[in-house]
């Protein structure tokens, strides 16, 4: 679980996961489009996400497609978030939003 937390700690890796959530099965080139990162940097981030089992890949011909694997995130939620009562967390979240003027 430590590898998952380390992988999720980086904003760039979370952005890649968001992109894979929005559209499954993207190539490295597709994931690089519109990002302010080099292809090599995206590739390194993807390797970390793969090592944490947050991204899986499949080869189709010459293409390597990347897919989000939500299971490790679900396991974290089950282990760490479920410990706390959801009602209390929702109430605190609502209070925070109201205090910050985000209603």
C-alpha atoms as a PDB file:
ATOM      1  CA  UNK A   1       0.000   0.000   0.000  1.00  0.00           C
ATOM      2  CA  UNK A   2       2.982   2.296   0.500  1.00  0.00           C
ATOM      3  CA  UNK A   3       3.738   2.280  -3.232  1.00  0.00           C
ATOM      4  CA  UNK A   4       0.161   3.358  -3.942  1.00  0.00           C
ATOM      5  CA  UNK A   5       0.375   6.281  -1.492  1.00  0.00           C
ATOM      6  CA  UNK A   6       3.734   7.346  -2.951  1.00  0.00           C
ATOM      7  CA  UNK A   7       2.343   7.158  -6.488  1.00  0.00           C
ATOM      8  CA  UNK A   8      -0.751   9.158  -5.552  1.00  0.00           C
ATOM      9  CA  UNK A   9       1.292  11.794  -3.720  1.00  0.00           C
ATOM     10  CA  UNK A  10       2.435  13.358  -6.994  1.00  0.00           C
ATOM     11  CA  UNK A  11       0.086  15.820  -8.722  1.00  0.00           C
ATOM     12  CA  UNK A  12       1.324  14.866 -12.208  1.00  0.00           C
ATOM     13  CA  UNK A  13       0.582  11.190 -11.604  1.00  0.00           C
ATOM     14  CA  UNK A  14      -2.882  12.032 -10.291  1.00  0.00           C
ATOM     15  CA  UNK A  15      -3.468  14.055 -13.472  1.00  0.00           C
ATOM     16  CA  UNK A  16      -2.504  11.029 -15.569  1.00  0.00           C
ATOM     17  CA  UNK A  17      -4.915   8.858 -13.594  1.00  0.00           C
ATOM     18  CA  UNK A  18      -7.653  11.445 -14.145  1.00  0.00           C
ATOM     19  CA  UNK A  19      -7.001  11.325 -17.883  1.00  0.00           C
ATOM     20  CA  UNK A  20      -7.184   7.534 -17.875  1.00  0.00           C
ATOM     21  CA  UNK A  21     -10.427   7.714 -15.912  1.00  0.00           C
ATOM     22  CA  UNK A  22     -11.891  10.048 -18.530  1.00  0.00           C
ATOM     23  CA  UNK A  23     -10.796   7.901 -21.464  1.00  0.00           C
ATOM     24  CA  UNK A  24      -9.566   4.337 -21.180  1.00  0.00           C
ATOM     25  CA  UNK A  25      -6.874   2.776 -23.337  1.00  0.00           C
ATOM     26  CA  UNK A  26      -4.625   5.719 -24.197  1.00  0.00           C
ATOM     27  CA  UNK A  27      -1.188   5.498 -25.728  1.00  0.00           C
ATOM     28  CA  UNK A  28       1.813   7.335 -24.315  1.00  0.00           C
ATOM     29  CA  UNK A  29       1.501   9.916 -27.087  1.00  0.00           C
ATOM     30  CA  UNK A  30      -2.169  10.517 -26.311  1.00  0.00           C
ATOM     31  CA  UNK A  31      -1.411  10.927 -22.616  1.00  0.00           C
ATOM     32  CA  UNK A  32       1.323  13.459 -23.442  1.00  0.00           C
ATOM     33  CA  UNK A  33      -1.012  15.650 -25.524  1.00  0.00           C
ATOM     34  CA  UNK A  34      -1.681  18.938 -23.773  1.00  0.00           C
ATOM     35  CA  UNK A  35       0.625  18.268 -20.828  1.00  0.00           C
ATOM     36  CA  UNK A  36       3.519  20.506 -19.860  1.00  0.00           C
ATOM     37  CA  UNK A  37       5.776  17.457 -19.461  1.00  0.00           C
ATOM     38  CA  UNK A  38       8.203  15.743 -21.752  1.00  0.00           C
ATOM     39  CA  UNK A  39       7.377  12.329 -23.160  1.00  0.00           C
ATOM     40  CA  UNK A  40      10.182  10.893 -21.010  1.00  0.00           C
ATOM     41  CA  UNK A  41       8.703  12.417 -17.826  1.00  0.00           C
ATOM     42  CA  UNK A  42       5.243  11.020 -18.617  1.00  0.00           C
ATOM     43  CA  UNK A  43       6.819   7.626 -19.272  1.00  0.00           C
ATOM     44  CA  UNK A  44       8.582   7.698 -15.883  1.00  0.00           C
ATOM     45  CA  UNK A  45       5.366   8.650 -14.104  1.00  0.00           C
ATOM     46  CA  UNK A  46       3.512   5.838 -15.865  1.00  0.00           C
ATOM     47  CA  UNK A  47       6.200   3.358 -14.759  1.00  0.00           C
ATOM     48  CA  UNK A  48       5.665   4.408 -11.134  1.00  0.00           C
ATOM     49  CA  UNK A  49       1.892   4.066 -11.536  1.00  0.00           C
ATOM     50  CA  UNK A  50       2.343   0.614 -13.093  1.00  0.00           C
ATOM     51  CA  UNK A  51       4.646  -0.470 -10.252  1.00  0.00           C
ATOM     52  CA  UNK A  52       1.939   0.596  -7.783  1.00  0.00           C
ATOM     53  CA  UNK A  53      -0.613  -1.405  -9.818  1.00  0.00           C
ATOM     54  CA  UNK A  54      -2.637   1.746 -10.508  1.00  0.00           C
ATOM     55  CA  UNK A  55      -2.145   1.442 -14.272  1.00  0.00           C
ATOM     56  CA  UNK A  56      -2.246  -1.665 -16.415  1.00  0.00           C
ATOM     57  CA  UNK A  57      -1.195  -1.940 -20.034  1.00  0.00           C
ATOM     58  CA  UNK A  58      -2.131  -3.983 -23.055  1.00  0.00           C
ATOM     59  CA  UNK A  59      -0.339  -4.221 -26.371  1.00  0.00           C
ATOM     60  CA  UNK A  60      -2.363  -3.968 -29.542  1.00  0.00           C
ATOM     61  CA  UNK A  61      -0.068  -4.337 -32.502  1.00  0.00           C
ATOM     62  CA  UNK A  62       2.583  -1.671 -32.131  1.00  0.00           C
ATOM     63  CA  UNK A  63       0.527   0.331 -29.620  1.00  0.00           C
ATOM     64  CA  UNK A  64       0.776   0.060 -25.857  1.00  0.00           C
ATOM     65  CA  UNK A  65      -2.511   1.087 -24.278  1.00  0.00           C
ATOM     66  CA  UNK A  66      -2.753   2.297 -20.676  1.00  0.00           C
ATOM     67  CA  UNK A  67      -5.730   1.668 -18.407  1.00  0.00           C
ATOM     68  CA  UNK A  68      -6.636   2.850 -14.920  1.00  0.00           C
ATOM     69  CA  UNK A  69      -6.806   0.099 -12.302  1.00  0.00           C
ATOM     70  CA  UNK A  70      -9.056   1.479  -9.531  1.00  0.00           C
ATOM     71  CA  UNK A  71      -8.692  -1.532  -7.215  1.00  0.00           C
ATOM     72  CA  UNK A  72      -5.761  -0.182  -5.122  1.00  0.00           C
ATOM     73  CA  UNK A  73      -7.623   3.112  -4.603  1.00  0.00           C
ATOM     74  CA  UNK A  74     -10.708   1.196  -3.519  1.00  0.00           C
ATOM     75  CA  UNK A  75      -8.595  -0.809  -1.061  1.00  0.00           C
ATOM     76  CA  UNK A  76      -7.212   2.415   0.431  1.00  0.00           C
ATOM     77  CA  UNK A  77     -10.709   3.827   0.749  1.00  0.00           C
ATOM     78  CA  UNK A  78     -11.899   0.643   2.423  1.00  0.00           C
ATOM     79  CA  UNK A  79      -9.028   0.527   4.852  1.00  0.00           C
ATOM     80  CA  UNK A  80      -8.522   4.191   5.680  1.00  0.00           C
ATOM     81  CA  UNK A  81     -11.706   6.079   4.881  1.00  0.00           C
ATOM     82  CA  UNK A  82     -14.216   3.464   6.016  1.00  0.00           C
ATOM     83  CA  UNK A  83     -12.755   3.649   9.512  1.00  0.00           C
ATOM     84  CA  UNK A  84     -14.449   6.988   9.945  1.00  0.00           C
ATOM     85  CA  UNK A  85     -18.156   7.481   9.819  1.00  0.00           C
ATOM     86  CA  UNK A  86     -19.135   8.866   6.441  1.00  0.00           C
ATOM     87  CA  UNK A  87     -21.778  11.130   8.012  1.00  0.00           C
ATOM     88  CA  UNK A  88     -19.144  12.861  10.138  1.00  0.00           C
ATOM     89  CA  UNK A  89     -16.846  13.298   7.163  1.00  0.00           C
ATOM     90  CA  UNK A  90     -19.681  14.677   5.023  1.00  0.00           C
ATOM     91  CA  UNK A  91     -20.648  17.134   7.767  1.00  0.00           C
ATOM     92  CA  UNK A  92     -17.058  18.337   8.126  1.00  0.00           C
ATOM     93  CA  UNK A  93     -16.695  18.671   4.380  1.00  0.00           C
ATOM     94  CA  UNK A  94     -19.930  20.693   4.178  1.00  0.00           C
ATOM     95  CA  UNK A  95     -18.821  22.921   7.048  1.00  0.00           C
ATOM     96  CA  UNK A  96     -15.444  23.525   5.392  1.00  0.00           C
ATOM     97  CA  UNK A  97     -17.119  24.465   2.104  1.00  0.00           C
ATOM     98  CA  UNK A  98     -19.505  26.880   3.854  1.00  0.00           C
ATOM     99  CA  UNK A  99     -16.720  28.510   5.832  1.00  0.00           C
ATOM    100  CA  UNK A 100     -14.649  28.944   2.695  1.00  0.00           C
ATOM    101  CA  UNK A 101     -17.631  30.297   0.762  1.00  0.00           C
ATOM    102  CA  UNK A 102     -17.869  27.399  -1.682  1.00  0.00           C
ATOM    103  CA  UNK A 103     -21.549  26.567  -1.162  1.00  0.00           C
END
